[in-house]
Amino acid sequence: MKRYKIVYCTPSLYMAGGVERVLTLKANYFAEYYGYDVTIVLTDGENEPFFFPLSPKVKVINLGIHFEELWHHSILMKICLYIPKQHIYKKQLAKVLNQIRPDFTISTLRREINFLSSLKDGSKKIGEIHINKANFRNFTPNRTNALKKLFAKYWMHGLVTKIKSLDKFVVLTEYDRDAWREIPEVDVIPNPLPFYPDQVNYPRRKRVIVVGRYFDDKGYDLLLKVWSIVEKENKDWVLDLYGDGDRPYYEGIADRLELDRQRCHLYGSIVDVQKEYLDSSLFVCPSRFEGFGMGIIEAMACGLPVVAFDCEWGPRSIITNGVDGILVEKGNVEKMAETILTLIQSPDKLSQMGVKARQNVSRYDMAIISEEWRRLFDRLSVCNTK
């Protein structure tokens, strides 16, 4: 087996996000089990500790560009800061790649996508996207005015052009492949499982768990409305939410809904999430959209059935409706509440679906997903020798 040199480009590793988790998992596995020479190039989070454990065999280079400085400025100031930072990034990344001379440079489709294909370091350039096309920059029709729609169309045209210049483009689901019709060849490689417990036990604590982020796309506001219905009909179960982000805002929603705070808890992010899954009986995904759904597969690996809004595109790619989970019409709060109530009042069905969930999600085992990546690298490597 050939041992490749791989460089990943991503903004940072200090946040508890899905991209950070997946990239860390793959980098660790490739370095530890395949013996690949793996380097992660960061632009932000200098001196910040990594949220997820990183193998000592994985090298990290932080360029210290600090794009996060743009977050707190006006649009005009953002443009003024962005242009010189982008120029510095291109120059520094080119220097790093020419020093390392990797076989593959993999972008998570952030700022380097604007110039990556123009860098002549000899590596094959791969783009991997972790969110569905329609929501990649959150240009959803109900949230944009006419000017933003025009800009979105222009921006997407530019993005498609840049993706076409890559050697390979990888998405997470077949639905995503269908969405990128402009790209001639699109590979589908799902995210891998970070863990798969040796065994799980039933019955469990009467707890509904949600793991994600306190951001609009994750739909925690919708879930709190769902729970306001559920808690009136059932007095035994509790709801625990985990994640980083704007937690005080959602605390305010819970208070306005007059939720029983003894049975509805909003927590920060956690590293040992497996322990919490194993202490729960049902996972809920109230997202408005999902690129994939790491929380879904993690929960299923721990024997939890999942109730999810049938949003684009992750849940329907993972869940077999009625077998290992239930898909609910997107945004339908009343239907989700009804579904949750039906399940928590049927402990035998809940356990049966949990067993199926654990069986079905094994297809995302790290060994299986890593082999898909290895085969992709081999194909591209052969092309490189022709």
Protein backbone atom coordinates (compact mmCIF):
# COMPACT_ATOMS: atom_id res chain seq x y z
CA MET A 1 0.00 0.00 0.00
CA LYS A 2 1.41 3.35 -1.06
CA ARG A 3 2.02 5.88 1.70
CA TYR A 4 0.80 9.25 0.54
CA LYS A 5 1.57 12.78 1.65
CA ILE A 6 -1.65 14.66 2.37
CA VAL A 7 -2.26 18.30 3.29
CA TYR A 8 -5.66 19.38 4.63
CA CYS A 9 -6.66 23.05 4.51
CA THR A 10 -9.25 24.24 7.02
CA PRO A 11 -9.72 27.38 9.14
CA SER A 12 -9.25 25.98 12.66
CA LEU A 13 -9.52 23.01 15.01
CA TYR A 14 -10.48 24.70 18.27
CA MET A 15 -14.26 24.59 17.76
CA ALA A 16 -16.53 21.61 18.46
CA GLY A 17 -17.92 21.50 14.93
CA GLY A 18 -18.65 18.63 12.58
CA VAL A 19 -15.92 19.58 10.09
CA GLU A 20 -13.34 19.76 12.88
CA ARG A 21 -14.40 16.38 14.21
CA VAL A 22 -14.43 14.59 10.85
CA LEU A 23 -11.16 16.07 9.66
CA THR A 24 -9.47 15.08 12.94
CA LEU A 25 -10.84 11.54 12.68
CA LYS A 26 -9.61 11.06 9.12
CA ALA A 27 -6.22 12.67 9.71
CA ASN A 28 -5.63 10.49 12.79
CA TYR A 29 -6.67 7.30 11.01
CA PHE A 30 -4.64 7.97 7.86
CA ALA A 31 -1.54 8.75 9.93
CA GLU A 32 -1.93 5.94 12.48
CA TYR A 33 -3.23 3.05 10.37
CA TYR A 34 -2.11 3.82 6.83
CA GLY A 35 1.16 5.50 7.72
CA TYR A 36 0.32 8.54 5.58
CA ASP A 37 2.28 11.76 6.09
CA VAL A 38 -0.55 14.10 7.12
CA THR A 39 -0.33 17.86 7.66
CA ILE A 40 -3.21 20.18 8.55
CA VAL A 41 -2.80 23.83 7.54
CA LEU A 42 -4.85 26.30 9.58
CA THR A 43 -5.48 30.01 9.18
CA ASP A 44 -7.19 30.78 12.49
CA GLY A 45 -7.25 29.80 16.16
CA GLU A 46 -3.57 30.46 16.77
CA ASN A 47 -2.57 29.30 20.28
CA GLU A 48 -6.03 27.81 20.83
CA PRO A 49 -6.13 24.17 22.03
CA PHE A 50 -7.63 21.63 19.64
CA PHE A 51 -11.12 20.55 20.71
CA PHE A 52 -10.77 16.96 19.49
CA PRO A 53 -7.69 14.80 20.23
CA LEU A 54 -5.13 14.85 17.43
CA SER A 55 -2.54 12.12 16.86
CA PRO A 56 1.07 13.18 17.49
CA LYS A 57 1.79 11.75 14.04
CA VAL A 58 -0.32 14.50 12.44
CA LYS A 59 1.56 17.75 11.83
CA VAL A 60 -0.19 21.12 12.15
CA ILE A 61 0.89 24.41 10.61
CA ASN A 62 -0.98 27.55 11.67
CA LEU A 63 -0.37 30.39 9.25
CA GLY A 64 -1.79 32.96 11.66
CA ILE A 65 -3.88 34.77 9.03
CA HIS A 66 -6.67 35.46 11.57
CA PHE A 67 -9.65 35.62 9.24
CA GLU A 68 -11.79 35.54 12.40
CA GLU A 69 -10.99 39.26 12.77
CA LEU A 70 -13.52 39.86 10.00
CA TRP A 71 -16.44 38.60 12.10
CA HIS A 72 -16.91 41.79 14.10
CA HIS A 73 -16.70 44.42 11.34
CA SER A 74 -19.01 46.08 8.81
CA ILE A 75 -19.23 44.77 5.25
CA LEU A 76 -16.93 47.52 3.93
CA MET A 77 -14.33 46.88 6.61
CA LYS A 78 -14.56 43.13 6.01
CA ILE A 79 -13.69 43.67 2.34
CA CYS A 80 -10.77 45.93 3.24
CA LEU A 81 -9.40 43.33 5.66
CA TYR A 82 -10.19 40.29 3.54
CA ILE A 83 -8.32 41.21 0.35
CA PRO A 84 -4.83 41.58 1.91
CA LYS A 85 -5.39 38.56 4.17
CA GLN A 86 -6.37 36.44 1.18
CA HIS A 87 -3.23 37.58 -0.66
CA ILE A 88 -1.08 36.61 2.33
CA TYR A 89 -2.85 33.27 2.61
CA LYS A 90 -2.22 32.39 -1.02
CA LYS A 91 1.45 33.31 -0.75
CA GLN A 92 2.01 31.39 2.50
CA LEU A 93 0.06 28.30 1.46
CA ALA A 94 1.99 28.15 -1.82
CA LYS A 95 5.23 28.26 0.18
CA VAL A 96 4.09 25.46 2.51
CA LEU A 97 2.92 23.20 -0.32
CA ASN A 98 6.14 23.68 -2.26
CA GLN A 99 8.10 22.71 0.84
CA ILE A 100 6.01 19.62 1.65
CA ARG A 101 5.31 18.56 -1.95
CA PRO A 102 2.20 16.55 -1.02
CA ASP A 103 0.50 14.02 -3.24
CA PHE A 104 -2.92 15.51 -2.39
CA THR A 105 -4.07 18.86 -1.07
CA ILE A 106 -7.59 18.67 0.32
CA SER A 107 -9.71 21.77 0.85
CA THR A 108 -12.87 21.94 2.97
CA LEU A 109 -14.00 24.58 0.45
CA ARG A 110 -13.11 27.58 2.51
CA ARG A 111 -11.05 30.57 1.44
CA GLU A 112 -8.33 28.58 -0.33
CA ILE A 113 -10.83 27.35 -2.91
CA ASN A 114 -10.46 30.74 -4.62
CA PHE A 115 -6.87 30.04 -5.64
CA LEU A 116 -6.00 26.42 -4.80
CA SER A 117 -5.96 25.09 -8.36
CA SER A 118 -3.55 27.80 -9.44
CA LEU A 119 -0.84 26.62 -7.03
CA LYS A 120 1.81 24.65 -8.94
CA ASP A 121 3.20 22.38 -6.24
CA GLY A 122 2.52 19.12 -8.08
CA SER A 123 -0.28 17.87 -5.80
CA LYS A 124 -3.71 16.75 -6.88
CA LYS A 125 -6.31 19.19 -5.56
CA ILE A 126 -9.42 17.76 -3.90
CA GLY A 127 -12.43 19.64 -2.56
CA GLU A 128 -14.67 18.06 0.08
CA ILE A 129 -17.88 19.82 1.05
CA HIS A 130 -19.62 19.22 4.37
CA ILE A 131 -22.91 20.97 3.74
CA ASN A 132 -25.58 20.74 1.06
CA LYS A 133 -25.32 23.02 -1.95
CA ALA A 134 -28.40 25.17 -1.28
CA ASN A 135 -27.21 26.08 2.20
CA PHE A 136 -23.47 26.30 1.61
CA ARG A 137 -23.57 30.05 2.17
CA ASN A 138 -27.09 30.09 3.62
CA PHE A 139 -28.56 31.72 0.52
CA THR A 140 -32.00 30.21 1.15
CA PRO A 141 -34.89 31.90 -0.73
CA ASN A 142 -36.91 32.80 2.36
CA ARG A 143 -33.97 34.57 3.95
CA THR A 144 -32.69 36.74 1.12
CA ASN A 145 -33.72 39.91 -0.66
CA ALA A 146 -33.38 40.52 -4.39
CA LEU A 147 -29.85 41.94 -4.15
CA LYS A 148 -28.66 38.99 -2.09
CA LYS A 149 -30.23 36.57 -4.57
CA LEU A 150 -28.34 38.24 -7.40
CA PHE A 151 -25.11 38.08 -5.44
CA ALA A 152 -25.81 34.44 -4.51
CA LYS A 153 -26.23 33.52 -8.18
CA TYR A 154 -22.99 35.28 -9.11
CA TRP A 155 -21.14 33.75 -6.16
CA MET A 156 -22.37 30.22 -6.92
CA HIS A 157 -21.33 30.54 -10.57
CA GLY A 158 -17.84 31.47 -9.41
CA LEU A 159 -17.75 28.59 -6.94
CA VAL A 160 -18.79 26.06 -9.59
CA THR A 161 -16.03 27.33 -11.87
CA LYS A 162 -13.45 26.89 -9.11
CA ILE A 163 -14.71 23.41 -8.24
CA LYS A 164 -14.47 22.38 -11.90
CA SER A 165 -10.79 23.29 -11.82
CA LEU A 166 -10.13 20.77 -9.02
CA ASP A 167 -8.93 17.25 -9.70
CA LYS A 168 -11.76 15.76 -7.64
CA PHE A 169 -14.87 16.95 -5.81
CA VAL A 170 -16.30 14.89 -2.94
CA VAL A 171 -19.75 15.21 -1.34
CA LEU A 172 -21.41 13.35 1.52
CA THR A 173 -24.65 11.98 0.03
CA GLU A 174 -26.19 10.90 -3.25
CA TYR A 175 -28.65 13.79 -2.92
CA ASP A 176 -25.70 16.18 -2.89
CA ARG A 177 -24.26 14.54 -5.99
CA ASP A 178 -27.56 15.16 -7.80
CA ALA A 179 -27.57 18.81 -6.68
CA TRP A 180 -24.17 19.56 -8.25
CA ARG A 181 -25.29 18.88 -11.82
CA GLU A 182 -22.80 21.40 -13.21
CA ILE A 183 -19.86 19.27 -12.06
CA PRO A 184 -19.06 16.43 -14.51
CA GLU A 185 -17.73 13.96 -11.92
CA VAL A 186 -18.67 13.98 -8.24
CA ASP A 187 -17.62 11.30 -5.77
CA VAL A 188 -19.75 10.42 -2.72
CA ILE A 189 -17.92 9.49 0.49
CA PRO A 190 -19.92 9.79 3.74
CA ASN A 191 -18.48 10.88 7.06
CA PRO A 192 -17.10 8.12 9.32
CA LEU A 193 -18.21 7.02 12.77
CA PRO A 194 -15.95 8.30 15.54
CA PHE A 195 -16.87 5.37 17.80
CA TYR A 196 -18.90 2.17 18.00
CA PRO A 197 -19.38 0.89 21.58
CA ASP A 198 -18.79 -2.81 22.16
CA GLN A 199 -22.24 -3.19 23.66
CA VAL A 200 -25.27 -1.17 24.67
CA ASN A 201 -27.91 -1.89 27.29
CA TYR A 202 -31.68 -1.48 27.46
CA PRO A 203 -33.82 -0.08 28.99
CA ARG A 204 -32.24 3.28 29.69
CA ARG A 205 -32.86 6.57 31.36
CA LYS A 206 -35.93 8.42 30.11
CA ARG A 207 -33.99 11.13 28.36
CA VAL A 208 -34.16 12.76 24.92
CA ILE A 209 -30.77 14.06 23.83
CA VAL A 210 -29.74 16.57 21.18
CA VAL A 211 -26.13 17.33 20.21
CA GLY A 212 -25.26 20.09 17.79
CA ARG A 213 -24.81 23.85 17.98
CA TYR A 214 -26.80 26.78 19.28
CA PHE A 215 -27.25 28.24 15.80
CA ASP A 216 -30.27 28.85 13.60
CA ASP A 217 -29.52 26.00 11.17
CA LYS A 218 -29.67 23.40 13.96
CA GLY A 219 -33.27 24.31 14.83
CA TYR A 220 -32.95 24.33 18.62
CA ASP A 221 -35.67 27.00 18.72
CA LEU A 222 -38.01 24.60 16.92
CA LEU A 223 -37.11 21.79 19.31
CA LEU A 224 -37.90 23.91 22.35
CA LYS A 225 -41.35 24.55 20.87
CA VAL A 226 -41.69 20.79 20.29
CA TRP A 227 -40.74 20.12 23.89
CA SER A 228 -43.27 22.64 25.18
CA ILE A 229 -45.92 20.29 23.75
CA VAL A 230 -44.24 17.05 24.86
CA GLU A 231 -43.65 18.04 28.47
CA LYS A 232 -47.32 18.83 28.98
CA GLU A 233 -48.28 15.30 27.91
CA ASN A 234 -45.48 13.37 29.61
CA LYS A 235 -44.08 14.09 33.06
CA ASP A 236 -41.35 11.43 33.22
CA TRP A 237 -38.94 12.33 30.41
CA VAL A 238 -36.26 15.01 30.27
CA LEU A 239 -34.65 16.88 27.37
CA ASP A 240 -30.92 17.66 27.35
CA LEU A 241 -29.34 19.84 24.67
CA TYR A 242 -25.58 20.11 24.08
CA GLY A 243 -23.47 22.35 21.88
CA ASP A 244 -21.48 25.53 21.49
CA GLY A 245 -22.79 28.84 20.17
CA ASP A 246 -25.27 31.43 21.44
CA ARG A 247 -26.71 29.46 24.36
CA PRO A 248 -28.13 32.50 26.26
CA TYR A 249 -30.42 33.27 23.30
CA TYR A 250 -31.97 29.81 23.50
CA GLU A 251 -32.16 29.98 27.28
CA GLY A 252 -34.35 33.02 26.67
CA ILE A 253 -36.61 31.05 24.31
CA ALA A 254 -36.96 28.29 26.92
CA ASP A 255 -37.94 30.85 29.53
CA ARG A 256 -40.48 32.54 27.24
CA LEU A 257 -42.04 29.14 26.56
CA GLU A 258 -42.17 28.62 30.34
CA LEU A 259 -40.50 25.23 30.05
CA ASP A 260 -39.89 23.20 33.19
CA ARG A 261 -36.17 23.83 33.65
CA GLN A 262 -35.89 20.77 35.87
CA ARG A 263 -36.70 18.68 32.80
CA CYS A 264 -35.15 20.79 30.05
CA HIS A 265 -31.42 21.51 30.29
CA LEU A 266 -29.24 23.50 27.91
CA TYR A 267 -25.56 22.55 28.24
CA GLY A 268 -22.35 23.58 26.52
CA SER A 269 -20.27 21.34 24.25
CA ILE A 270 -18.72 18.13 25.56
CA VAL A 271 -15.84 15.90 24.48
CA ASP A 272 -17.12 12.58 25.90
CA VAL A 273 -20.40 12.66 24.02
CA GLN A 274 -20.53 8.85 23.81
CA LYS A 275 -21.19 8.66 27.55
CA GLU A 276 -24.21 10.95 27.18
CA TYR A 277 -25.64 8.97 24.27
CA LEU A 278 -25.39 5.75 26.28
CA ASP A 279 -27.32 7.44 29.09
CA SER A 280 -30.22 8.40 26.80
CA SER A 281 -33.08 6.68 24.98
CA LEU A 282 -33.88 8.89 21.99
CA PHE A 283 -31.96 11.32 19.78
CA VAL A 284 -33.70 14.20 18.04
CA CYS A 285 -32.41 16.17 15.05
CA PRO A 286 -34.51 19.35 14.61
CA SER A 287 -32.19 20.89 11.99
CA ARG A 288 -33.40 23.17 9.22
CA PHE A 289 -30.70 21.61 7.01
CA GLU A 290 -27.87 19.10 7.46
CA GLY A 291 -24.89 18.37 5.27
CA PHE A 292 -24.76 14.91 6.79
CA GLY A 293 -25.53 14.49 10.48
CA MET A 294 -22.63 13.36 12.66
CA GLY A 295 -24.85 13.48 15.72
CA ILE A 296 -27.30 11.13 14.01
CA ILE A 297 -24.76 8.39 13.26
CA GLU A 298 -23.07 8.76 16.65
CA ALA A 299 -26.38 8.32 18.45
CA MET A 300 -27.37 5.36 16.29
CA ALA A 301 -24.03 3.68 16.99
CA CYS A 302 -24.94 3.92 20.68
CA GLY A 303 -28.28 2.22 20.02
CA LEU A 304 -30.52 5.28 19.86
CA PRO A 305 -33.36 5.64 17.35
CA VAL A 306 -33.57 9.10 15.80
CA VAL A 307 -36.49 11.45 15.18
CA ALA A 308 -35.44 14.06 12.62
CA PHE A 309 -36.95 16.71 10.41
CA ASP A 310 -36.71 15.51 6.81
CA CYS A 311 -34.43 18.37 5.85
CA GLU A 312 -31.77 18.60 3.13
CA TRP A 313 -30.09 16.10 2.94
CA GLY A 314 -28.40 14.21 5.72
CA PRO A 315 -31.21 12.59 7.74
CA ARG A 316 -32.92 10.88 4.81
CA SER A 317 -29.55 9.54 3.64
CA ILE A 318 -28.94 7.84 6.98
CA ILE A 319 -32.30 6.98 8.53
CA THR A 320 -34.50 4.16 7.26
CA ASN A 321 -37.88 5.70 8.05
CA GLY A 322 -39.90 3.64 10.49
CA VAL A 323 -37.10 1.11 11.02
CA ASP A 324 -34.24 2.81 12.87
CA GLY A 325 -35.77 6.26 13.18
CA ILE A 326 -38.57 8.47 11.98
CA LEU A 327 -38.48 11.34 9.49
CA VAL A 328 -40.92 14.16 10.14
CA GLU A 329 -42.04 16.83 7.69
CA LYS A 330 -39.49 19.64 7.79
CA GLY A 331 -40.42 22.31 10.35
CA ASN A 332 -43.64 20.59 11.45
CA VAL A 333 -43.41 21.17 15.21
CA GLU A 334 -46.74 19.53 16.07
CA LYS A 335 -45.93 16.37 14.09
CA MET A 336 -42.52 16.03 15.69
CA ALA A 337 -44.04 16.40 19.16
CA GLU A 338 -46.62 13.75 18.31
CA THR A 339 -43.92 11.40 16.99
CA ILE A 340 -41.75 11.81 20.09
CA LEU A 341 -44.71 11.20 22.38
CA THR A 342 -45.67 8.04 20.49
CA LEU A 343 -42.15 6.63 20.79
CA ILE A 344 -41.47 7.46 24.43
CA GLN A 345 -44.80 5.89 25.35
CA SER A 346 -43.75 2.66 23.57
CA PRO A 347 -40.54 1.46 25.29
CA ASP A 348 -40.43 -1.87 23.42
CA LYS A 349 -40.63 -0.17 20.05
CA LEU A 350 -38.03 2.36 21.15
CA SER A 351 -35.61 -0.44 22.07
CA GLN A 352 -36.28 -2.39 18.85
CA MET A 353 -35.60 0.67 16.72
CA GLY A 354 -32.45 1.32 18.74
CA VAL A 355 -31.14 -2.16 17.96
CA LYS A 356 -31.83 -1.63 14.25
CA ALA A 357 -30.17 1.78 14.37
CA ARG A 358 -26.99 0.26 15.74
CA GLN A 359 -26.97 -2.47 13.10
CA ASN A 360 -27.68 -0.17 10.16
CA VAL A 361 -25.18 2.54 11.02
CA SER A 362 -22.22 0.14 11.01
CA ARG A 363 -21.85 0.94 7.29
CA TYR A 364 -20.14 4.18 8.37
CA ASP A 365 -17.34 2.37 10.22
CA MET A 366 -14.05 4.26 9.95
CA ALA A 367 -12.33 1.28 8.30
CA ILE A 368 -14.95 1.20 5.55
CA ILE A 369 -14.94 4.95 4.88
CA SER A 370 -11.14 5.18 4.97
CA GLU A 371 -10.94 2.50 2.28
CA GLU A 372 -13.15 4.61 0.04
CA TRP A 373 -10.70 7.49 0.45
CA ARG A 374 -7.71 5.22 -0.15
CA ARG A 375 -9.23 3.95 -3.40
CA LEU A 376 -9.86 7.55 -4.49
CA PHE A 377 -6.23 8.45 -3.75
CA ASP A 378 -5.04 5.41 -5.70
CA ARG A 379 -7.15 6.36 -8.74
CA LEU A 380 -5.87 9.93 -8.71
CA SER A 381 -2.31 8.73 -8.20
CA VAL A 382 -2.56 6.50 -11.28
CA CYS A 383 -3.89 9.45 -13.28
CA ASN A 384 -0.90 11.47 -12.12
CA THR A 385 1.55 8.96 -13.58
CA LYS A 386 0.00 8.86 -17.03
